[in-house]
Amino acid sequence: MSSDDLAQARLSAAVLSSCRWLCWPSPVLLLALALLKGGAVWLPACALAALWQAWLNWRLQLDAGMLRAMNGEAGLAQLDTVLARLFGKKNGAGRSLEERQRGMAGLLRRALIATALCWGLCLAGLAYCAW
């Protein structure tokens, strides 16, 4: 892995880590919805969206941590070993950093969609209860 690839990995880690704050408003919105009369109708859908959002955020933070820990060509091989041991899969073995970053970009898009869905459902529920 070249120094440029290592720099890209560090920048990608910073971008993924910056998405951490997106989960913070969700529990507050869920609590506000739970406390309102009539909010229980919206609560299951909002809670599922928040759960999906939290899981994707965990995956983003895991990827960011692994990118920060990488240090050269041996880093990708060690990353494959760790993933195989943690999750029992070897589907990432042999992939280049560019392919991994494309996967992370898709994960980031899904996290943003989950955030929009969670916030949108919660705000729609709050607006419905306010009427």
N, C-alpha and C. Protein backbone atom coordinates (compact mmCIF):
# COMPACT_ATOMS: atom_id res chain seq x y z
N MET A 1 0.86 -1.17 0.00
CA MET A 1 0.00 0.00 0.00
C MET A 1 0.90 1.23 0.00
N SER A 2 0.65 2.12 -0.92
CA SER A 2 1.48 3.32 -1.05
C SER A 2 1.09 4.34 0.02
N SER A 3 1.90 5.35 0.12
CA SER A 3 1.61 6.40 1.11
C SER A 3 0.34 7.17 0.72
N ASP A 4 0.05 7.26 -0.58
CA ASP A 4 -1.19 7.91 -1.03
C ASP A 4 -2.41 7.11 -0.59
N ASP A 5 -2.32 5.77 -0.73
CA ASP A 5 -3.42 4.92 -0.29
C ASP A 5 -3.62 5.01 1.21
N LEU A 6 -2.53 5.07 1.93
CA LEU A 6 -2.61 5.19 3.38
C LEU A 6 -3.25 6.53 3.78
N ALA A 7 -2.88 7.60 3.05
CA ALA A 7 -3.49 8.90 3.32
C ALA A 7 -4.99 8.87 3.00
N GLN A 8 -5.37 8.19 1.91
CA GLN A 8 -6.80 8.06 1.57
C GLN A 8 -7.54 7.28 2.64
N ALA A 9 -6.90 6.24 3.17
CA ALA A 9 -7.53 5.45 4.22
C ALA A 9 -7.77 6.30 5.46
N ARG A 10 -6.81 7.13 5.80
CA ARG A 10 -6.97 8.01 6.98
C ARG A 10 -8.08 9.04 6.77
N LEU A 11 -8.14 9.60 5.55
CA LEU A 11 -9.21 10.57 5.25
C LEU A 11 -10.58 9.90 5.23
N SER A 12 -10.64 8.69 4.70
CA SER A 12 -11.90 7.95 4.71
C SER A 12 -12.34 7.68 6.14
N ALA A 13 -11.40 7.34 6.99
CA ALA A 13 -11.72 7.10 8.41
C ALA A 13 -12.28 8.36 9.05
N ALA A 14 -11.72 9.50 8.72
CA ALA A 14 -12.22 10.76 9.28
C ALA A 14 -13.64 11.05 8.81
N VAL A 15 -13.92 10.78 7.53
CA VAL A 15 -15.26 11.02 6.99
C VAL A 15 -16.27 10.09 7.67
N LEU A 16 -15.93 8.82 7.79
CA LEU A 16 -16.84 7.86 8.42
C LEU A 16 -17.07 8.20 9.89
N SER A 17 -16.03 8.64 10.58
CA SER A 17 -16.17 9.00 12.00
C SER A 17 -17.03 10.24 12.19
N SER A 18 -17.03 11.11 11.19
CA SER A 18 -17.80 12.35 11.33
C SER A 18 -19.30 12.11 11.28
N CYS A 19 -19.72 10.93 10.83
CA CYS A 19 -21.15 10.61 10.74
C CYS A 19 -21.73 10.16 12.07
N ARG A 20 -20.92 10.05 13.09
CA ARG A 20 -21.34 9.56 14.40
C ARG A 20 -22.48 10.40 15.00
N TRP A 21 -22.45 11.69 14.82
CA TRP A 21 -23.46 12.56 15.43
C TRP A 21 -24.85 12.36 14.87
N LEU A 22 -24.98 11.72 13.70
CA LEU A 22 -26.29 11.55 13.08
C LEU A 22 -27.25 10.72 13.93
N CYS A 23 -26.75 9.87 14.79
CA CYS A 23 -27.62 9.02 15.63
C CYS A 23 -28.14 9.74 16.86
N TRP A 24 -27.52 10.82 17.27
CA TRP A 24 -27.88 11.45 18.54
C TRP A 24 -29.32 11.95 18.62
N PRO A 25 -29.88 12.60 17.61
CA PRO A 25 -31.26 13.09 17.74
C PRO A 25 -32.32 11.99 17.76
N SER A 26 -32.01 10.82 17.23
CA SER A 26 -33.02 9.77 17.09
C SER A 26 -33.64 9.34 18.42
N PRO A 27 -32.87 9.06 19.48
CA PRO A 27 -33.50 8.67 20.75
C PRO A 27 -34.38 9.77 21.35
N VAL A 28 -33.98 11.01 21.14
CA VAL A 28 -34.78 12.13 21.65
C VAL A 28 -36.11 12.20 20.91
N LEU A 29 -36.06 12.02 19.59
CA LEU A 29 -37.29 12.02 18.81
C LEU A 29 -38.19 10.85 19.20
N LEU A 30 -37.59 9.68 19.42
CA LEU A 30 -38.37 8.51 19.84
C LEU A 30 -39.02 8.75 21.21
N LEU A 31 -38.27 9.34 22.13
CA LEU A 31 -38.82 9.63 23.46
C LEU A 31 -39.96 10.63 23.38
N ALA A 32 -39.77 11.67 22.60
CA ALA A 32 -40.84 12.66 22.44
C ALA A 32 -42.09 12.03 21.84
N LEU A 33 -41.90 11.15 20.89
CA LEU A 33 -43.02 10.46 20.26
C LEU A 33 -43.71 9.52 21.24
N ALA A 34 -42.94 8.85 22.08
CA ALA A 34 -43.50 7.92 23.05
C ALA A 34 -44.31 8.65 24.13
N LEU A 35 -43.92 9.87 24.43
CA LEU A 35 -44.60 10.62 25.49
C LEU A 35 -45.89 11.28 25.02
N LEU A 36 -46.06 11.42 23.72
CA LEU A 36 -47.26 12.07 23.21
C LEU A 36 -48.42 11.08 23.08
N LYS A 37 -49.60 11.57 23.33
CA LYS A 37 -50.78 10.75 23.16
C LYS A 37 -50.98 10.50 21.66
N GLY A 38 -51.15 9.26 21.29
CA GLY A 38 -51.31 8.91 19.89
C GLY A 38 -50.00 8.61 19.18
N GLY A 39 -48.89 8.77 19.87
CA GLY A 39 -47.59 8.51 19.25
C GLY A 39 -47.25 7.04 19.16
N ALA A 40 -47.96 6.21 19.92
CA ALA A 40 -47.66 4.77 19.94
C ALA A 40 -47.90 4.12 18.58
N VAL A 41 -48.75 4.71 17.77
CA VAL A 41 -49.01 4.17 16.43
C VAL A 41 -47.76 4.28 15.56
N TRP A 42 -47.03 5.36 15.71
CA TRP A 42 -45.85 5.61 14.90
C TRP A 42 -44.59 4.98 15.49
N LEU A 43 -44.63 4.65 16.75
CA LEU A 43 -43.43 4.22 17.46
C LEU A 43 -42.76 2.97 16.89
N PRO A 44 -43.48 1.90 16.53
CA PRO A 44 -42.78 0.72 16.00
C PRO A 44 -41.98 1.00 14.72
N ALA A 45 -42.56 1.73 13.80
CA ALA A 45 -41.85 2.04 12.55
C ALA A 45 -40.64 2.93 12.83
N CYS A 46 -40.81 3.90 13.70
CA CYS A 46 -39.70 4.79 14.04
C CYS A 46 -38.59 4.03 14.77
N ALA A 47 -38.97 3.13 15.66
CA ALA A 47 -37.98 2.36 16.40
C ALA A 47 -37.20 1.43 15.47
N LEU A 48 -37.87 0.81 14.50
CA LEU A 48 -37.17 -0.04 13.54
C LEU A 48 -36.20 0.77 12.68
N ALA A 49 -36.63 1.95 12.27
CA ALA A 49 -35.73 2.81 11.49
C ALA A 49 -34.53 3.25 12.34
N ALA A 50 -34.77 3.55 13.61
CA ALA A 50 -33.67 3.94 14.51
C ALA A 50 -32.71 2.77 14.75
N LEU A 51 -33.25 1.56 14.84
CA LEU A 51 -32.41 0.38 15.02
C LEU A 51 -31.54 0.15 13.79
N TRP A 52 -32.13 0.28 12.61
CA TRP A 52 -31.36 0.15 11.37
C TRP A 52 -30.27 1.22 11.30
N GLN A 53 -30.63 2.42 11.66
CA GLN A 53 -29.68 3.53 11.66
C GLN A 53 -28.53 3.25 12.63
N ALA A 54 -28.84 2.76 13.82
CA ALA A 54 -27.80 2.49 14.82
C ALA A 54 -26.86 1.37 14.35
N TRP A 55 -27.43 0.34 13.71
CA TRP A 55 -26.60 -0.75 13.22
C TRP A 55 -25.65 -0.26 12.13
N LEU A 56 -26.18 0.54 11.19
CA LEU A 56 -25.32 1.07 10.13
C LEU A 56 -24.26 2.00 10.70
N ASN A 57 -24.61 2.77 11.73
CA ASN A 57 -23.65 3.66 12.36
C ASN A 57 -22.54 2.85 13.03
N TRP A 58 -22.92 1.72 13.66
CA TRP A 58 -21.91 0.86 14.26
C TRP A 58 -20.95 0.35 13.19
N ARG A 59 -21.51 -0.06 12.04
CA ARG A 59 -20.66 -0.54 10.95
C ARG A 59 -19.73 0.57 10.44
N LEU A 60 -20.24 1.79 10.34
CA LEU A 60 -19.40 2.91 9.90
C LEU A 60 -18.26 3.14 10.88
N GLN A 61 -18.56 3.10 12.18
CA GLN A 61 -17.53 3.32 13.18
C GLN A 61 -16.50 2.19 13.19
N LEU A 62 -16.96 0.96 12.96
CA LEU A 62 -16.05 -0.18 12.86
C LEU A 62 -15.11 0.00 11.68
N ASP A 63 -15.67 0.36 10.52
CA ASP A 63 -14.83 0.58 9.34
C ASP A 63 -13.84 1.73 9.56
N ALA A 64 -14.30 2.78 10.21
CA ALA A 64 -13.41 3.92 10.48
C ALA A 64 -12.27 3.50 11.40
N GLY A 65 -12.58 2.74 12.41
CA GLY A 65 -11.54 2.27 13.33
C GLY A 65 -10.53 1.37 12.63
N MET A 66 -11.02 0.51 11.75
CA MET A 66 -10.10 -0.37 11.03
C MET A 66 -9.23 0.42 10.06
N LEU A 67 -9.79 1.41 9.41
CA LEU A 67 -8.99 2.23 8.50
C LEU A 67 -7.92 3.01 9.26
N ARG A 68 -8.27 3.50 10.45
CA ARG A 68 -7.28 4.23 11.24
C ARG A 68 -6.14 3.32 11.67
N ALA A 69 -6.43 2.04 11.89
CA ALA A 69 -5.43 1.10 12.38
C ALA A 69 -4.54 0.54 11.27
N MET A 70 -4.91 0.75 10.01
CA MET A 70 -4.12 0.19 8.90
C MET A 70 -2.78 0.90 8.79
N ASN A 71 -1.75 0.11 8.43
CA ASN A 71 -0.42 0.71 8.29
C ASN A 71 0.37 0.00 7.20
N GLY A 72 -0.03 0.16 5.98
CA GLY A 72 0.73 -0.40 4.87
C GLY A 72 0.10 -1.64 4.27
N GLU A 73 0.86 -2.30 3.38
CA GLU A 73 0.36 -3.46 2.64
C GLU A 73 -0.05 -4.59 3.57
N ALA A 74 0.70 -4.79 4.62
CA ALA A 74 0.34 -5.84 5.58
C ALA A 74 -0.98 -5.52 6.26
N GLY A 75 -1.36 -4.26 6.26
CA GLY A 75 -2.60 -3.85 6.90
C GLY A 75 -3.82 -4.49 6.27
N LEU A 76 -3.87 -4.60 4.93
CA LEU A 76 -5.01 -5.21 4.26
C LEU A 76 -5.09 -6.70 4.57
N ALA A 77 -3.95 -7.39 4.60
CA ALA A 77 -3.94 -8.81 4.92
C ALA A 77 -4.38 -9.03 6.36
N GLN A 78 -3.90 -8.19 7.27
CA GLN A 78 -4.31 -8.30 8.68
C GLN A 78 -5.79 -7.99 8.83
N LEU A 79 -6.27 -7.02 8.07
CA LEU A 79 -7.69 -6.67 8.11
C LEU A 79 -8.54 -7.86 7.66
N ASP A 80 -8.13 -8.54 6.60
CA ASP A 80 -8.86 -9.72 6.14
C ASP A 80 -8.88 -10.80 7.21
N THR A 81 -7.76 -11.00 7.89
CA THR A 81 -7.69 -12.01 8.95
C THR A 81 -8.62 -11.65 10.10
N VAL A 82 -8.61 -10.40 10.51
CA VAL A 82 -9.48 -9.96 11.61
C VAL A 82 -10.95 -10.13 11.25
N LEU A 83 -11.33 -9.72 10.05
CA LEU A 83 -12.72 -9.85 9.62
C LEU A 83 -13.15 -11.31 9.55
N ALA A 84 -12.26 -12.17 9.07
CA ALA A 84 -12.59 -13.60 8.99
C ALA A 84 -12.77 -14.18 10.38
N ARG A 85 -11.95 -13.75 11.33
CA ARG A 85 -12.07 -14.26 12.70
C ARG A 85 -13.30 -13.71 13.41
N LEU A 86 -13.59 -12.45 13.20
CA LEU A 86 -14.73 -11.83 13.88
C LEU A 86 -16.06 -12.30 13.33
N PHE A 87 -16.17 -12.34 12.02
CA PHE A 87 -17.46 -12.59 11.38
C PHE A 87 -17.55 -13.94 10.66
N GLY A 88 -16.45 -14.69 10.62
CA GLY A 88 -16.47 -16.00 10.02
C GLY A 88 -16.61 -16.00 8.50
N LYS A 89 -16.29 -14.89 7.85
CA LYS A 89 -16.39 -14.81 6.40
C LYS A 89 -15.04 -14.40 5.82
N LYS A 90 -14.85 -14.81 4.60
CA LYS A 90 -13.63 -14.39 3.92
C LYS A 90 -13.97 -13.70 2.61
N ASN A 91 -15.15 -13.10 2.53
CA ASN A 91 -15.57 -12.49 1.27
C ASN A 91 -14.80 -11.21 0.95
N GLY A 92 -14.08 -10.64 1.90
CA GLY A 92 -13.32 -9.42 1.63
C GLY A 92 -11.88 -9.69 1.28
N ALA A 93 -11.47 -10.95 1.33
CA ALA A 93 -10.07 -11.28 1.09
C ALA A 93 -9.66 -10.92 -0.33
N GLY A 94 -8.52 -10.26 -0.43
CA GLY A 94 -7.96 -9.93 -1.73
C GLY A 94 -8.52 -8.69 -2.38
N ARG A 95 -9.45 -8.01 -1.73
CA ARG A 95 -10.00 -6.80 -2.33
C ARG A 95 -9.03 -5.64 -2.13
N SER A 96 -8.98 -4.77 -3.12
CA SER A 96 -8.11 -3.59 -3.02
C SER A 96 -8.77 -2.55 -2.12
N LEU A 97 -7.98 -1.57 -1.75
CA LEU A 97 -8.50 -0.49 -0.91
C LEU A 97 -9.61 0.26 -1.65
N GLU A 98 -9.46 0.44 -2.95
CA GLU A 98 -10.47 1.14 -3.74
C GLU A 98 -11.82 0.40 -3.70
N GLU A 99 -11.79 -0.91 -3.84
CA GLU A 99 -13.02 -1.70 -3.77
C GLU A 99 -13.65 -1.61 -2.38
N ARG A 100 -12.82 -1.63 -1.37
CA ARG A 100 -13.32 -1.51 0.00
C ARG A 100 -13.96 -0.14 0.22
N GLN A 101 -13.34 0.90 -0.33
CA GLN A 101 -13.89 2.24 -0.18
C GLN A 101 -15.22 2.39 -0.91
N ARG A 102 -15.38 1.72 -2.05
CA ARG A 102 -16.68 1.74 -2.74
C ARG A 102 -17.75 1.08 -1.86
N GLY A 103 -17.38 -0.01 -1.20
CA GLY A 103 -18.32 -0.65 -0.27
C GLY A 103 -18.68 0.26 0.88
N MET A 104 -17.70 0.97 1.39
CA MET A 104 -17.96 1.90 2.50
C MET A 104 -18.82 3.06 2.04
N ALA A 105 -18.66 3.49 0.79
CA ALA A 105 -19.51 4.57 0.27
C ALA A 105 -20.96 4.11 0.20
N GLY A 106 -21.19 2.87 -0.20
CA GLY A 106 -22.55 2.33 -0.20
C GLY A 106 -23.12 2.24 1.21
N LEU A 107 -22.28 1.85 2.15
CA LEU A 107 -22.70 1.79 3.55
C LEU A 107 -23.06 3.19 4.06
N LEU A 108 -22.27 4.17 3.68
CA LEU A 108 -22.54 5.55 4.07
C LEU A 108 -23.86 6.04 3.48
N ARG A 109 -24.12 5.70 2.22
CA ARG A 109 -25.40 6.09 1.60
C ARG A 109 -26.57 5.45 2.35
N ARG A 110 -26.46 4.17 2.68
CA ARG A 110 -27.54 3.51 3.41
C ARG A 110 -27.72 4.13 4.79
N ALA A 111 -26.63 4.53 5.44
CA ALA A 111 -26.75 5.18 6.75
C ALA A 111 -27.47 6.52 6.64
N LEU A 112 -27.20 7.26 5.59
CA LEU A 112 -27.89 8.54 5.40
C LEU A 112 -29.37 8.32 5.09
N ILE A 113 -29.68 7.28 4.32
CA ILE A 113 -31.08 6.96 4.03
C ILE A 113 -31.80 6.54 5.31
N ALA A 114 -31.14 5.73 6.13
CA ALA A 114 -31.74 5.29 7.40
C ALA A 114 -31.97 6.48 8.32
N THR A 115 -31.04 7.42 8.34
CA THR A 115 -31.19 8.62 9.17
C THR A 115 -32.38 9.44 8.69
N ALA A 116 -32.48 9.64 7.39
CA ALA A 116 -33.61 10.41 6.83
C ALA A 116 -34.93 9.71 7.12
N LEU A 117 -34.95 8.40 7.00
CA LEU A 117 -36.17 7.64 7.28
C LEU A 117 -36.56 7.75 8.75
N CYS A 118 -35.59 7.58 9.63
CA CYS A 118 -35.88 7.67 11.07
C CYS A 118 -36.39 9.05 11.45
N TRP A 119 -35.65 10.07 11.06
CA TRP A 119 -36.06 11.42 11.40
C TRP A 119 -37.38 11.78 10.74
N GLY A 120 -37.56 11.39 9.49
CA GLY A 120 -38.80 11.70 8.78
C GLY A 120 -40.01 11.06 9.42
N LEU A 121 -39.89 9.77 9.77
CA LEU A 121 -41.01 9.09 10.43
C LEU A 121 -41.31 9.70 11.79
N CYS A 122 -40.27 9.98 12.56
CA CYS A 122 -40.49 10.58 13.88
C CYS A 122 -41.13 11.96 13.77
N LEU A 123 -40.63 12.77 12.85
CA LEU A 123 -41.20 14.12 12.70
C LEU A 123 -42.63 14.06 12.15
N ALA A 124 -42.89 13.11 11.26
CA ALA A 124 -44.27 12.94 10.76
C ALA A 124 -45.19 12.51 11.90
N GLY A 125 -44.71 11.61 12.75
CA GLY A 125 -45.49 11.18 13.90
C GLY A 125 -45.75 12.32 14.87
N LEU A 126 -44.72 13.12 15.11
CA LEU A 126 -44.90 14.27 16.00
C LEU A 126 -45.87 15.28 15.41
N ALA A 127 -45.78 15.53 14.11
CA ALA A 127 -46.71 16.45 13.47
C ALA A 127 -48.13 15.88 13.51
N TYR A 128 -48.27 14.59 13.29
CA TYR A 128 -49.59 13.94 13.35
C TYR A 128 -50.20 14.09 14.75
N CYS A 129 -49.38 13.90 15.76
CA CYS A 129 -49.89 14.01 17.15
C CYS A 129 -50.21 15.45 17.52
N ALA A 130 -49.51 16.40 16.91
CA ALA A 130 -49.75 17.79 17.23
C ALA A 130 -51.04 18.33 16.61
N TRP A 131 -51.52 17.68 15.54
CA TRP A 131 -52.73 18.14 14.88
C TRP A 131 -53.89 17.72 15.65
